PDB file of N, CA and C in Angstrom:
ATOM      1  N   UNK A   1     104.551 232.892  52.636  1.00  0.00           N
ATOM      2  CA  UNK A   1     105.605 233.295  53.565  1.00  0.00           C
ATOM      3  C   UNK A   1     106.947 233.504  52.806  1.00  0.00           C
ATOM      4  N   UNK A   2     107.202 232.671  51.888  1.00  0.00           N
ATOM      5  CA  UNK A   2     108.453 232.762  51.091  1.00  0.00           C
ATOM      6  C   UNK A   2     108.428 234.063  50.266  1.00  0.00           C
ATOM      7  N   UNK A   3     107.298 234.418  49.776  1.00  0.00           N
ATOM      8  CA  UNK A   3     107.195 235.671  48.978  1.00  0.00           C
ATOM      9  C   UNK A   3     107.472 236.869  49.885  1.00  0.00           C
ATOM     10  N   UNK A   4     106.982 236.839  51.104  1.00  0.00           N
ATOM     11  CA  UNK A   4     107.156 237.922  52.020  1.00  0.00           C
ATOM     12  C   UNK A   4     108.614 238.069  52.401  1.00  0.00           C
ATOM     13  N   UNK A   5     109.300 236.967  52.631  1.00  0.00           N
ATOM     14  CA  UNK A   5     110.743 237.007  52.931  1.00  0.00           C
ATOM     15  C   UNK A   5     111.482 237.532  51.786  1.00  0.00           C
ATOM     16  N   UNK A   6     111.138 237.144  50.547  1.00  0.00           N
ATOM     17  CA  UNK A   6     111.765 237.647  49.318  1.00  0.00           C
ATOM     18  C   UNK A   6     111.557 239.126  49.210  1.00  0.00           C
ATOM     19  N   UNK A   7     110.349 239.628  49.508  1.00  0.00           N
ATOM     20  CA  UNK A   7     110.035 241.022  49.437  1.00  0.00           C
ATOM     21  C   UNK A   7     110.871 241.832  50.377  1.00  0.00           C
ATOM     22  N   UNK A   8     111.079 241.336  51.572  1.00  0.00           N
ATOM     23  CA  UNK A   8     111.889 242.027  52.592  1.00  0.00           C
ATOM     24  C   UNK A   8     113.336 242.112  52.116  1.00  0.00           C
ATOM     25  N   UNK A   9     113.846 241.017  51.567  1.00  0.00           N
ATOM     26  CA  UNK A   9     115.223 240.980  51.044  1.00  0.00           C
ATOM     27  C   UNK A   9     115.374 241.989  49.911  1.00  0.00           C
ATOM     28  N   UNK A  10     114.386 242.025  49.033  1.00  0.00           N
ATOM     29  CA  UNK A  10     114.344 242.927  47.926  1.00  0.00           C
ATOM     30  C   UNK A  10     114.319 244.392  48.422  1.00  0.00           C
ATOM     31  N   UNK A  11     113.584 244.655  49.467  1.00  0.00           N
ATOM     32  CA  UNK A  11     113.503 245.994  50.054  1.00  0.00           C
ATOM     33  C   UNK A  11     114.833 246.477  50.629  1.00  0.00           C
ATOM     34  N   UNK A  12     115.678 245.521  50.934  1.00  0.00           N
ATOM     35  CA  UNK A  12     117.009 245.831  51.562  1.00  0.00           C
ATOM     36  C   UNK A  12     117.978 246.393  50.498  1.00  0.00           C
ATOM     37  N   UNK A  13     117.648 246.183  49.228  1.00  0.00           N
ATOM     38  CA  UNK A  13     118.646 246.588  48.135  1.00  0.00           C
ATOM     39  C   UNK A  13     118.865 248.093  48.094  1.00  0.00           C
ATOM     40  N   UNK A  14     117.820 248.882  48.211  1.00  0.00           N
ATOM     41  CA  UNK A  14     118.031 250.351  48.151  1.00  0.00           C
ATOM     42  C   UNK A  14     118.850 250.892  49.305  1.00  0.00           C
ATOM     43  N   UNK A  15     118.545 250.567  50.563  1.00  0.00           N
ATOM     44  CA  UNK A  15     119.362 250.999  51.640  1.00  0.00           C
ATOM     45  C   UNK A  15     120.824 250.552  51.546  1.00  0.00           C
ATOM     46  N   UNK A  16     121.026 249.293  51.102  1.00  0.00           N
ATOM     47  CA  UNK A  16     122.378 248.825  50.929  1.00  0.00           C
ATOM     48  C   UNK A  16     123.112 249.588  49.816  1.00  0.00           C
ATOM     49  N   UNK A  17     122.438 249.861  48.712  1.00  0.00           N
ATOM     50  CA  UNK A  17     123.056 250.652  47.688  1.00  0.00           C
ATOM     51  C   UNK A  17     123.387 252.096  48.136  1.00  0.00           C
ATOM     52  N   UNK A  18     122.532 252.662  48.986  1.00  0.00           N
ATOM     53  CA  UNK A  18     122.800 254.009  49.538  1.00  0.00           C
ATOM     54  C   UNK A  18     124.043 253.983  50.446  1.00  0.00           C
ATOM     55  N   UNK A  19     124.167 252.907  51.225  1.00  0.00           N
ATOM     56  CA  UNK A  19     125.321 252.773  52.130  1.00  0.00           C
ATOM     57  C   UNK A  19     126.576 252.637  51.338  1.00  0.00           C
ATOM     58  N   UNK A  20     126.556 251.720  50.334  1.00  0.00           N
ATOM     59  CA  UNK A  20     127.805 251.491  49.545  1.00  0.00           C
ATOM     60  C   UNK A  20     128.161 252.732  48.762  1.00  0.00           C
ATOM     61  N   UNK A  21     127.239 253.363  48.070  1.00  0.00           N
ATOM     62  CA  UNK A  21     127.542 254.580  47.301  1.00  0.00           C
ATOM     63  C   UNK A  21     127.962 255.687  48.176  1.00  0.00           C
ATOM     64  N   UNK A  22     127.330 255.821  49.364  1.00  0.00           N
ATOM     65  CA  UNK A  22     127.711 256.884  50.251  1.00  0.00           C
ATOM     66  C   UNK A  22     129.136 256.739  50.752  1.00  0.00           C
ATOM     67  N   UNK A  23     129.509 255.496  51.137  1.00  0.00           N
ATOM     68  CA  UNK A  23     130.895 255.244  51.589  1.00  0.00           C
ATOM     69  C   UNK A  23     131.888 255.455  50.447  1.00  0.00           C
ATOM     70  N   UNK A  24     131.491 255.058  49.235  1.00  0.00           N
ATOM     71  CA  UNK A  24     132.379 255.262  48.009  1.00  0.00           C
ATOM     72  C   UNK A  24     132.552 256.736  47.763  1.00  0.00           C
ATOM     73  N   UNK A  25     131.435 257.513  47.798  1.00  0.00           N
ATOM     74  CA  UNK A  25     131.532 258.967  47.536  1.00  0.00           C
ATOM     75  C   UNK A  25     132.388 259.672  48.531  1.00  0.00           C
ATOM     76  N   UNK A  26     132.320 259.268  49.798  1.00  0.00           N
ATOM     77  CA  UNK A  26     133.131 259.881  50.864  1.00  0.00           C
ATOM     78  C   UNK A  26     134.607 259.553  50.683  1.00  0.00           C
ATOM     79  N   UNK A  27     134.866 258.241  50.468  1.00  0.00           N
ATOM     80  CA  UNK A  27     136.264 257.767  50.439  1.00  0.00           C
ATOM     81  C   UNK A  27     136.983 258.245  49.195  1.00  0.00           C
ATOM     82  N   UNK A  28     136.411 257.985  48.060  1.00  0.00           N
ATOM     83  CA  UNK A  28     137.105 258.349  46.851  1.00  0.00           C
ATOM     84  C   UNK A  28     136.036 258.688  45.753  1.00  0.00           C
ATOM     85  N   UNK A  29     135.699 259.972  45.647  1.00  0.00           N
ATOM     86  CA  UNK A  29     134.667 260.300  44.647  1.00  0.00           C
ATOM     87  C   UNK A  29     135.176 259.966  43.232  1.00  0.00           C
ATOM     88  N   UNK A  30     134.256 259.614  42.334  1.00  0.00           N
ATOM     89  CA  UNK A  30     134.639 259.323  41.000  1.00  0.00           C
ATOM     90  C   UNK A  30     135.150 260.559  40.276  1.00  0.00           C
ATOM     91  N   UNK A  31     135.887 260.340  39.197  1.00  0.00           N
ATOM     92  CA  UNK A  31     136.408 261.490  38.418  1.00  0.00           C
ATOM     93  C   UNK A  31     135.203 262.194  37.717  1.00  0.00           C
ATOM     94  N   UNK A  32     135.346 263.492  37.575  1.00  0.00           N
ATOM     95  CA  UNK A  32     134.185 264.271  36.966  1.00  0.00           C
ATOM     96  C   UNK A  32     133.920 263.801  35.492  1.00  0.00           C
ATOM     97  N   UNK A  33     134.893 263.252  34.774  1.00  0.00           N
ATOM     98  CA  UNK A  33     134.676 262.830  33.403  1.00  0.00           C
ATOM     99  C   UNK A  33     134.112 261.452  33.245  1.00  0.00           C
ATOM    100  N   UNK A  34     133.927 260.713  34.361  1.00  0.00           N
ATOM    101  CA  UNK A  34     133.573 259.290  34.253  1.00  0.00           C
ATOM    102  C   UNK A  34     132.113 258.996  33.895  1.00  0.00           C
ATOM    103  N   UNK A  35     131.262 259.996  34.021  1.00  0.00           N
ATOM    104  CA  UNK A  35     129.832 259.752  33.740  1.00  0.00           C
ATOM    105  C   UNK A  35     129.133 259.175  34.925  1.00  0.00           C
ATOM    106  N   UNK A  36     129.856 258.991  36.044  1.00  0.00           N
ATOM    107  CA  UNK A  36     129.232 258.451  37.235  1.00  0.00           C
ATOM    108  C   UNK A  36     129.411 259.454  38.364  1.00  0.00           C
ATOM    109  N   UNK A  37     128.454 259.565  39.193  1.00  0.00           N
ATOM    110  CA  UNK A  37     128.579 260.495  40.339  1.00  0.00           C
ATOM    111  C   UNK A  37     127.401 261.459  40.427  1.00  0.00           C
ATOM    112  N   UNK A  38     127.529 262.370  41.311  1.00  0.00           N
ATOM    113  CA  UNK A  38     126.580 263.403  41.541  1.00  0.00           C
ATOM    114  C   UNK A  38     126.856 264.529  40.553  1.00  0.00           C
ATOM    115  N   UNK A  39     126.138 264.475  39.422  1.00  0.00           N
ATOM    116  CA  UNK A  39     126.420 265.326  38.276  1.00  0.00           C
ATOM    117  C   UNK A  39     125.312 266.393  38.100  1.00  0.00           C
ATOM    118  N   UNK A  40     125.598 267.559  38.624  1.00  0.00           N
ATOM    119  CA  UNK A  40     124.703 268.731  38.353  1.00  0.00           C
ATOM    120  C   UNK A  40     125.588 269.877  37.938  1.00  0.00           C
ATOM    121  N   UNK A  41     124.982 270.916  37.485  1.00  0.00           N
ATOM    122  CA  UNK A  41     125.777 272.071  37.019  1.00  0.00           C
ATOM    123  C   UNK A  41     126.622 272.634  38.170  1.00  0.00           C
ATOM    124  N   UNK A  42     126.028 272.694  39.355  1.00  0.00           N
ATOM    125  CA  UNK A  42     126.793 273.212  40.522  1.00  0.00           C
ATOM    126  C   UNK A  42     127.942 272.287  40.872  1.00  0.00           C
ATOM    127  N   UNK A  43     127.691 270.998  40.939  1.00  0.00           N
ATOM    128  CA  UNK A  43     128.742 270.093  41.341  1.00  0.00           C
ATOM    129  C   UNK A  43     129.906 269.975  40.305  1.00  0.00           C
ATOM    130  N   UNK A  44     129.560 270.231  39.048  1.00  0.00           N
ATOM    131  CA  UNK A  44     130.595 270.147  38.010  1.00  0.00           C
ATOM    132  C   UNK A  44     131.215 271.526  37.685  1.00  0.00           C
ATOM    133  N   UNK A  45     130.895 272.512  38.479  1.00  0.00           N
ATOM    134  CA  UNK A  45     131.450 273.868  38.232  1.00  0.00           C
ATOM    135  C   UNK A  45     132.911 274.023  38.553  1.00  0.00           C
ATOM    136  N   UNK A  46     133.427 273.213  39.470  1.00  0.00           N
ATOM    137  CA  UNK A  46     134.863 273.266  39.785  1.00  0.00           C
ATOM    138  C   UNK A  46     135.226 271.931  40.475  1.00  0.00           C
ATOM    139  N   UNK A  47     136.547 271.637  40.529  1.00  0.00           N
ATOM    140  CA  UNK A  47     136.974 270.410  41.191  1.00  0.00           C
ATOM    141  C   UNK A  47     136.619 270.391  42.699  1.00  0.00           C
ATOM    142  N   UNK A  48     136.726 271.569  43.303  1.00  0.00           N
ATOM    143  CA  UNK A  48     136.333 271.684  44.734  1.00  0.00           C
ATOM    144  C   UNK A  48     134.816 271.389  44.968  1.00  0.00           C
ATOM    145  N   UNK A  49     134.014 271.933  44.043  1.00  0.00           N
ATOM    146  CA  UNK A  49     132.615 271.696  44.190  1.00  0.00           C
ATOM    147  C   UNK A  49     132.271 270.240  43.931  1.00  0.00           C
ATOM    148  N   UNK A  50     132.943 269.600  43.017  1.00  0.00           N
ATOM    149  CA  UNK A  50     132.763 268.168  42.760  1.00  0.00           C
ATOM    150  C   UNK A  50     133.054 267.369  43.999  1.00  0.00           C
ATOM    151  N   UNK A  51     134.187 267.599  44.614  1.00  0.00           N
ATOM    152  CA  UNK A  51     134.555 266.858  45.804  1.00  0.00           C
ATOM    153  C   UNK A  51     133.604 267.154  46.991  1.00  0.00           C
ATOM    154  N   UNK A  52     133.237 268.441  47.156  1.00  0.00           N
ATOM    155  CA  UNK A  52     132.254 268.836  48.179  1.00  0.00           C
ATOM    156  C   UNK A  52     130.900 268.158  47.970  1.00  0.00           C
ATOM    157  N   UNK A  53     130.441 268.144  46.737  1.00  0.00           N
ATOM    158  CA  UNK A  53     129.128 267.514  46.427  1.00  0.00           C
ATOM    159  C   UNK A  53     129.125 266.065  46.801  1.00  0.00           C
ATOM    160  N   UNK A  54     130.221 265.374  46.541  1.00  0.00           N
ATOM    161  CA  UNK A  54     130.288 263.926  46.831  1.00  0.00           C
ATOM    162  C   UNK A  54     130.453 263.678  48.278  1.00  0.00           C
ATOM    163  N   UNK A  55     131.125 264.595  48.972  1.00  0.00           N
ATOM    164  CA  UNK A  55     131.267 264.429  50.452  1.00  0.00           C
ATOM    165  C   UNK A  55     129.931 264.642  51.087  1.00  0.00           C
ATOM    166  N   UNK A  56     129.199 265.679  50.671  1.00  0.00           N
ATOM    167  CA  UNK A  56     127.849 265.956  51.244  1.00  0.00           C
ATOM    168  C   UNK A  56     126.889 264.864  50.954  1.00  0.00           C
ATOM    169  N   UNK A  57     126.764 264.444  49.687  1.00  0.00           N
ATOM    170  CA  UNK A  57     125.788 263.422  49.280  1.00  0.00           C
ATOM    171  C   UNK A  57     126.230 262.079  49.866  1.00  0.00           C
ATOM    172  N   UNK A  58     127.495 261.801  49.948  1.00  0.00           N
ATOM    173  CA  UNK A  58     127.950 260.530  50.480  1.00  0.00           C
ATOM    174  C   UNK A  58     127.585 260.408  51.932  1.00  0.00           C
ATOM    175  N   UNK A  59     127.821 261.467  52.729  1.00  0.00           N
ATOM    176  CA  UNK A  59     127.469 261.407  54.144  1.00  0.00           C
ATOM    177  C   UNK A  59     125.984 261.254  54.325  1.00  0.00           C
ATOM    178  N   UNK A  60     125.230 262.014  53.544  1.00  0.00           N
ATOM    179  CA  UNK A  60     123.736 261.922  53.660  1.00  0.00           C
ATOM    180  C   UNK A  60     123.269 260.503  53.330  1.00  0.00           C
ATOM    181  N   UNK A  61     123.791 259.951  52.174  1.00  0.00           N
ATOM    182  CA  UNK A  61     123.335 258.626  51.786  1.00  0.00           C
ATOM    183  C   UNK A  61     123.751 257.545  52.788  1.00  0.00           C
ATOM    184  N   UNK A  62     124.970 257.667  53.330  1.00  0.00           N
ATOM    185  CA  UNK A  62     125.418 256.698  54.302  1.00  0.00           C
ATOM    186  C   UNK A  62     124.504 256.691  55.516  1.00  0.00           C
ATOM    187  N   UNK A  63     124.243 257.897  56.107  1.00  0.00           N
ATOM    188  CA  UNK A  63     123.395 257.954  57.260  1.00  0.00           C
ATOM    189  C   UNK A  63     121.980 257.543  57.008  1.00  0.00           C
ATOM    190  N   UNK A  64     121.376 258.078  55.946  1.00  0.00           N
ATOM    191  CA  UNK A  64     119.979 257.738  55.592  1.00  0.00           C
ATOM    192  C   UNK A  64     119.861 256.288  55.166  1.00  0.00           C
ATOM    193  N   UNK A  65     120.913 255.760  54.554  1.00  0.00           N
ATOM    194  CA  UNK A  65     120.923 254.301  54.189  1.00  0.00           C
ATOM    195  C   UNK A  65     120.861 253.454  55.430  1.00  0.00           C
ATOM    196  N   UNK A  66     121.627 253.826  56.498  1.00  0.00           N
ATOM    197  CA  UNK A  66     121.623 253.046  57.709  1.00  0.00           C
ATOM    198  C   UNK A  66     120.279 253.141  58.392  1.00  0.00           C
ATOM    199  N   UNK A  67     119.684 254.356  58.404  1.00  0.00           N
ATOM    200  CA  UNK A  67     118.396 254.538  59.032  1.00  0.00           C
ATOM    201  C   UNK A  67     117.356 253.762  58.343  1.00  0.00           C
ATOM    202  N   UNK A  68     117.302 253.856  56.984  1.00  0.00           N
ATOM    203  CA  UNK A  68     116.271 253.109  56.234  1.00  0.00           C
ATOM    204  C   UNK A  68     116.526 251.581  56.314  1.00  0.00           C
ATOM    205  N   UNK A  69     117.788 251.135  56.388  1.00  0.00           N
ATOM    206  CA  UNK A  69     118.062 249.719  56.541  1.00  0.00           C
ATOM    207  C   UNK A  69     117.463 249.207  57.855  1.00  0.00           C
ATOM    208  N   UNK A  70     117.703 249.920  58.953  1.00  0.00           N
ATOM    209  CA  UNK A  70     117.152 249.514  60.219  1.00  0.00           C
ATOM    210  C   UNK A  70     115.576 249.537  60.160  1.00  0.00           C
ATOM    211  N   UNK A  71     115.054 250.624  59.608  1.00  0.00           N
ATOM    212  CA  UNK A  71     113.601 250.676  59.492  1.00  0.00           C
ATOM    213  C   UNK A  71     112.994 249.553  58.643  1.00  0.00           C
ATOM    214  N   UNK A  72     113.695 249.235  57.582  1.00  0.00           N
ATOM    215  CA  UNK A  72     113.229 248.121  56.711  1.00  0.00           C
ATOM    216  C   UNK A  72     113.291 246.782  57.440  1.00  0.00           C
ATOM    217  N   UNK A  73     114.374 246.561  58.162  1.00  0.00           N
ATOM    218  CA  UNK A  73     114.484 245.353  58.933  1.00  0.00           C
ATOM    219  C   UNK A  73     113.419 245.230  60.011  1.00  0.00           C
ATOM    220  N   UNK A  74     113.163 246.332  60.685  1.00  0.00           N
ATOM    221  CA  UNK A  74     112.077 246.333  61.720  1.00  0.00           C
ATOM    222  C   UNK A  74     110.725 246.161  61.083  1.00  0.00           C
ATOM    223  N   UNK A  75     110.429 246.954  60.023  1.00  0.00           N
ATOM    224  CA  UNK A  75     109.146 246.820  59.329  1.00  0.00           C
ATOM    225  C   UNK A  75     108.988 245.466  58.718  1.00  0.00           C
ATOM    226  N   UNK A  76     110.023 244.931  58.119  1.00  0.00           N
ATOM    227  CA  UNK A  76     110.005 243.614  57.519  1.00  0.00           C
ATOM    228  C   UNK A  76     109.741 242.534  58.474  1.00  0.00           C
ATOM    229  N   UNK A  77     110.402 242.649  59.638  1.00  0.00           N
ATOM    230  CA  UNK A  77     110.223 241.727  60.737  1.00  0.00           C
ATOM    231  C   UNK A  77     108.829 241.735  61.257  1.00  0.00           C
ATOM    232  N   UNK A  78     108.263 242.917  61.376  1.00  0.00           N
ATOM    233  CA  UNK A  78     106.904 243.091  61.785  1.00  0.00           C
ATOM    234  C   UNK A  78     105.959 242.455  60.811  1.00  0.00           C
ATOM    235  N   UNK A  79     106.159 242.675  59.529  1.00  0.00           N
ATOM    236  CA  UNK A  79     105.338 242.092  58.463  1.00  0.00           C
ATOM    237  C   UNK A  79     105.428 240.600  58.456  1.00  0.00           C
ATOM    238  N   UNK A  80     106.550 240.083  58.603  1.00  0.00           N
ATOM    239  CA  UNK A  80     106.744 238.642  58.590  1.00  0.00           C
ATOM    240  C   UNK A  80     106.043 237.972  59.798  1.00  0.00           C
ATOM    241  N   UNK A  81     106.215 238.605  60.936  1.00  0.00           N
ATOM    242  CA  UNK A  81     105.672 237.997  62.142  1.00  0.00           C
ATOM    243  C   UNK A  81     104.170 238.149  62.328  1.00  0.00           C
ATOM    244  N   UNK A  82     103.609 239.331  61.942  1.00  0.00           N
ATOM    245  CA  UNK A  82     102.234 239.574  62.295  1.00  0.00           C
ATOM    246  C   UNK A  82     101.325 239.787  61.107  1.00  0.00           C
ATOM    247  N   UNK A  83     101.842 240.033  59.927  1.00  0.00           N
ATOM    248  CA  UNK A  83     100.960 240.289  58.790  1.00  0.00           C
ATOM    249  C   UNK A  83     100.983 239.203  57.676  1.00  0.00           C
ATOM    250  N   UNK A  84     101.635 238.101  57.984  1.00  0.00           N
ATOM    251  CA  UNK A  84     101.803 237.101  56.965  1.00  0.00           C
ATOM    252  C   UNK A  84     100.493 236.532  56.438  1.00  0.00           C
ATOM    253  N   UNK A  85      99.408 236.621  57.226  1.00  0.00           N
ATOM    254  CA  UNK A  85      98.122 236.095  56.772  1.00  0.00           C
ATOM    255  C   UNK A  85      97.360 237.148  55.915  1.00  0.00           C
ATOM    256  N   UNK A  86      97.699 238.378  56.082  1.00  0.00           N
ATOM    257  CA  UNK A  86      96.958 239.444  55.337  1.00  0.00           C
ATOM    258  C   UNK A  86      97.791 239.975  54.237  1.00  0.00           C
ATOM    259  N   UNK A  87      97.428 239.505  53.047  1.00  0.00           N
ATOM    260  CA  UNK A  87      98.227 239.895  51.838  1.00  0.00           C
ATOM    261  C   UNK A  87      98.191 241.382  51.553  1.00  0.00           C
ATOM    262  N   UNK A  88      97.016 242.003  51.725  1.00  0.00           N
ATOM    263  CA  UNK A  88      96.871 243.460  51.492  1.00  0.00           C
ATOM    264  C   UNK A  88      97.735 244.254  52.455  1.00  0.00           C
ATOM    265  N   UNK A  89      97.795 243.863  53.709  1.00  0.00           N
ATOM    266  CA  UNK A  89      98.626 244.530  54.722  1.00  0.00           C
ATOM    267  C   UNK A  89     100.103 244.418  54.378  1.00  0.00           C
ATOM    268  N   UNK A  90     100.487 243.289  53.870  1.00  0.00           N
ATOM    269  CA  UNK A  90     101.920 243.103  53.455  1.00  0.00           C
ATOM    270  C   UNK A  90     102.258 244.042  52.346  1.00  0.00           C
ATOM    271  N   UNK A  91     101.376 244.151  51.343  1.00  0.00           N
ATOM    272  CA  UNK A  91     101.622 244.987  50.211  1.00  0.00           C
ATOM    273  C   UNK A  91     101.684 246.424  50.653  1.00  0.00           C
ATOM    274  N   UNK A  92     100.842 246.821  51.616  1.00  0.00           N
ATOM    275  CA  UNK A  92     100.880 248.180  52.134  1.00  0.00           C
ATOM    276  C   UNK A  92     102.198 248.485  52.835  1.00  0.00           C
ATOM    277  N   UNK A  93     102.689 247.522  53.586  1.00  0.00           N
ATOM    278  CA  UNK A  93     104.017 247.749  54.297  1.00  0.00           C
ATOM    279  C   UNK A  93     105.063 247.870  53.240  1.00  0.00           C
ATOM    280  N   UNK A  94     105.093 247.066  52.210  1.00  0.00           N
ATOM    281  CA  UNK A  94     106.079 247.149  51.130  1.00  0.00           C
ATOM    282  C   UNK A  94     106.037 248.530  50.446  1.00  0.00           C
ATOM    283  N   UNK A  95     104.805 248.951  50.098  1.00  0.00           N
ATOM    284  CA  UNK A  95     104.700 250.267  49.473  1.00  0.00           C
ATOM    285  C   UNK A  95     105.128 251.427  50.352  1.00  0.00           C
ATOM    286  N   UNK A  96     104.802 251.406  51.586  1.00  0.00           N
ATOM    287  CA  UNK A  96     105.225 252.480  52.526  1.00  0.00           C
ATOM    288  C   UNK A  96     106.761 252.419  52.687  1.00  0.00           C
ATOM    289  N   UNK A  97     107.337 251.231  52.783  1.00  0.00           N
ATOM    290  CA  UNK A  97     108.831 251.166  52.957  1.00  0.00           C
ATOM    291  C   UNK A  97     109.451 251.674  51.671  1.00  0.00           C
ATOM    292  N   UNK A  98     109.020 251.275  50.508  1.00  0.00           N
ATOM    293  CA  UNK A  98     109.606 251.806  49.226  1.00  0.00           C
ATOM    294  C   UNK A  98     109.466 253.276  49.147  1.00  0.00           C
ATOM    295  N   UNK A  99     108.304 253.833  49.509  1.00  0.00           N
ATOM    296  CA  UNK A  99     108.102 255.293  49.487  1.00  0.00           C
ATOM    297  C   UNK A  99     109.068 256.017  50.404  1.00  0.00           C
ATOM    298  N   UNK A 100     109.276 255.513  51.602  1.00  0.00           N
ATOM    299  CA  UNK A 100     110.158 256.170  52.536  1.00  0.00           C
ATOM    300  C   UNK A 100     111.633 256.058  52.014  1.00  0.00           C
ATOM    301  N   UNK A 101     112.009 254.897  51.435  1.00  0.00           N
ATOM    302  CA  UNK A 101     113.375 254.788  50.956  1.00  0.00           C
ATOM    303  C   UNK A 101     113.585 255.693  49.762  1.00  0.00           C
ATOM    304  N   UNK A 102     112.630 255.800  48.863  1.00  0.00           N
ATOM    305  CA  UNK A 102     112.750 256.656  47.705  1.00  0.00           C
ATOM    306  C   UNK A 102     112.860 258.151  48.165  1.00  0.00           C
ATOM    307  N   UNK A 103     112.076 258.515  49.171  1.00  0.00           N
ATOM    308  CA  UNK A 103     112.113 259.868  49.647  1.00  0.00           C
ATOM    309  C   UNK A 103     113.483 260.194  50.159  1.00  0.00           C
ATOM    310  N   UNK A 104     114.150 259.320  50.943  1.00  0.00           N
ATOM    311  CA  UNK A 104     115.467 259.573  51.460  1.00  0.00           C
ATOM    312  C   UNK A 104     116.512 259.511  50.336  1.00  0.00           C
ATOM    313  N   UNK A 105     116.287 258.661  49.360  1.00  0.00           N
ATOM    314  CA  UNK A 105     117.231 258.596  48.226  1.00  0.00           C
ATOM    315  C   UNK A 105     117.257 259.949  47.445  1.00  0.00           C
ATOM    316  N   UNK A 106     116.109 260.522  47.203  1.00  0.00           N
ATOM    317  CA  UNK A 106     115.977 261.730  46.400  1.00  0.00           C
ATOM    318  C   UNK A 106     116.220 263.010  47.157  1.00  0.00           C
ATOM    319  N   UNK A 107     116.006 262.942  48.462  1.00  0.00           N
ATOM    320  CA  UNK A 107     116.208 264.125  49.300  1.00  0.00           C
ATOM    321  C   UNK A 107     117.634 264.667  49.241  1.00  0.00           C
ATOM    322  N   UNK A 108     118.570 263.791  48.848  1.00  0.00           N
ATOM    323  CA  UNK A 108     119.987 264.203  48.790  1.00  0.00           C
ATOM    324  C   UNK A 108     120.178 265.345  47.774  1.00  0.00           C
ATOM    325  N   UNK A 109     119.340 265.413  46.763  1.00  0.00           N
ATOM    326  CA  UNK A 109     119.524 266.439  45.715  1.00  0.00           C
ATOM    327  C   UNK A 109     119.277 267.879  46.267  1.00  0.00           C
ATOM    328  N   UNK A 110     118.126 268.183  46.844  1.00  0.00           N
ATOM    329  CA  UNK A 110     117.993 269.589  47.377  1.00  0.00           C
ATOM    330  C   UNK A 110     118.969 269.881  48.465  1.00  0.00           C
ATOM    331  N   UNK A 111     119.258 268.890  49.346  1.00  0.00           N
ATOM    332  CA  UNK A 111     120.243 269.154  50.431  1.00  0.00           C
ATOM    333  C   UNK A 111     121.583 269.482  49.890  1.00  0.00           C
ATOM    334  N   UNK A 112     122.096 268.680  48.940  1.00  0.00           N
ATOM    335  CA  UNK A 112     123.425 268.921  48.376  1.00  0.00           C
ATOM    336  C   UNK A 112     123.444 270.196  47.572  1.00  0.00           C
ATOM    337  N   UNK A 113     122.414 270.488  46.814  1.00  0.00           N
ATOM    338  CA  UNK A 113     122.380 271.735  46.026  1.00  0.00           C
ATOM    339  C   UNK A 113     122.372 272.989  46.946  1.00  0.00           C
ATOM    340  N   UNK A 114     121.588 272.884  48.029  1.00  0.00           N
ATOM    341  CA  UNK A 114     121.556 274.052  48.907  1.00  0.00           C
ATOM    342  C   UNK A 114     122.906 274.248  49.549  1.00  0.00           C
ATOM    343  N   UNK A 115     123.537 273.181  49.951  1.00  0.00           N
ATOM    344  CA  UNK A 115     124.849 273.336  50.665  1.00  0.00           C
ATOM    345  C   UNK A 115     125.962 273.808  49.674  1.00  0.00           C
ATOM    346  N   UNK A 116     125.879 273.341  48.410  1.00  0.00           N
ATOM    347  CA  UNK A 116     126.827 273.838  47.404  1.00  0.00           C
ATOM    348  C   UNK A 116     126.631 275.306  47.099  1.00  0.00           C
ATOM    349  N   UNK A 117     125.357 275.677  47.011  1.00  0.00           N
ATOM    350  CA  UNK A 117     125.098 277.120  46.742  1.00  0.00           C
ATOM    351  C   UNK A 117     125.601 278.012  47.878  1.00  0.00           C
ATOM    352  N   UNK A 118     125.413 277.486  49.117  1.00  0.00           N
ATOM    353  CA  UNK A 118     125.853 278.248  50.248  1.00  0.00           C
ATOM    354  C   UNK A 118     127.433 278.286  50.338  1.00  0.00           C
ATOM    355  N   UNK A 119     128.043 277.193  50.018  1.00  0.00           N
ATOM    356  CA  UNK A 119     129.524 277.104  50.077  1.00  0.00           C
ATOM    357  C   UNK A 119     130.270 277.854  48.975  1.00  0.00           C
ATOM    358  N   UNK A 120     129.754 277.710  47.750  1.00  0.00           N
ATOM    359  CA  UNK A 120     130.459 278.215  46.569  1.00  0.00           C
ATOM    360  C   UNK A 120     129.785 279.465  45.930  1.00  0.00           C
ATOM    361  N   UNK A 121     128.634 279.831  46.419  1.00  0.00           N
ATOM    362  CA  UNK A 121     127.893 281.014  45.918  1.00  0.00           C
ATOM    363  C   UNK A 121     127.687 280.898  44.407  1.00  0.00           C
ATOM    364  N   UNK A 122     127.270 279.689  43.976  1.00  0.00           N
ATOM    365  CA  UNK A 122     126.997 279.475  42.549  1.00  0.00           C
ATOM    366  C   UNK A 122     125.577 278.992  42.333  1.00  0.00           C
TER     367      UNK A 122
END
């Protein structure tokens, strides 16, 4: 049971990181020279594109982080309450949750690139 609770807490790290980075990117994007941030050729093509990229990716990460946080809490609660006796089922829930979180984490790239291409024609 303790391992299951630890696993659920561990699963909360990615949604929390998405929420924190999303809020940071929206509020005050990092400087383009800092080595931190949404760094692609489109986002670094101009200061306006840099700010737009961080606004787009920040909003997306904030929203998807909240959604995956809620989903992880609900799935984790379900796993703790009903699957604690079945080790294989718990591992399956963990793998599915990680896969969904990773999908939302990486989906920001095509969404942001598409919007930058549409906005700046680059």
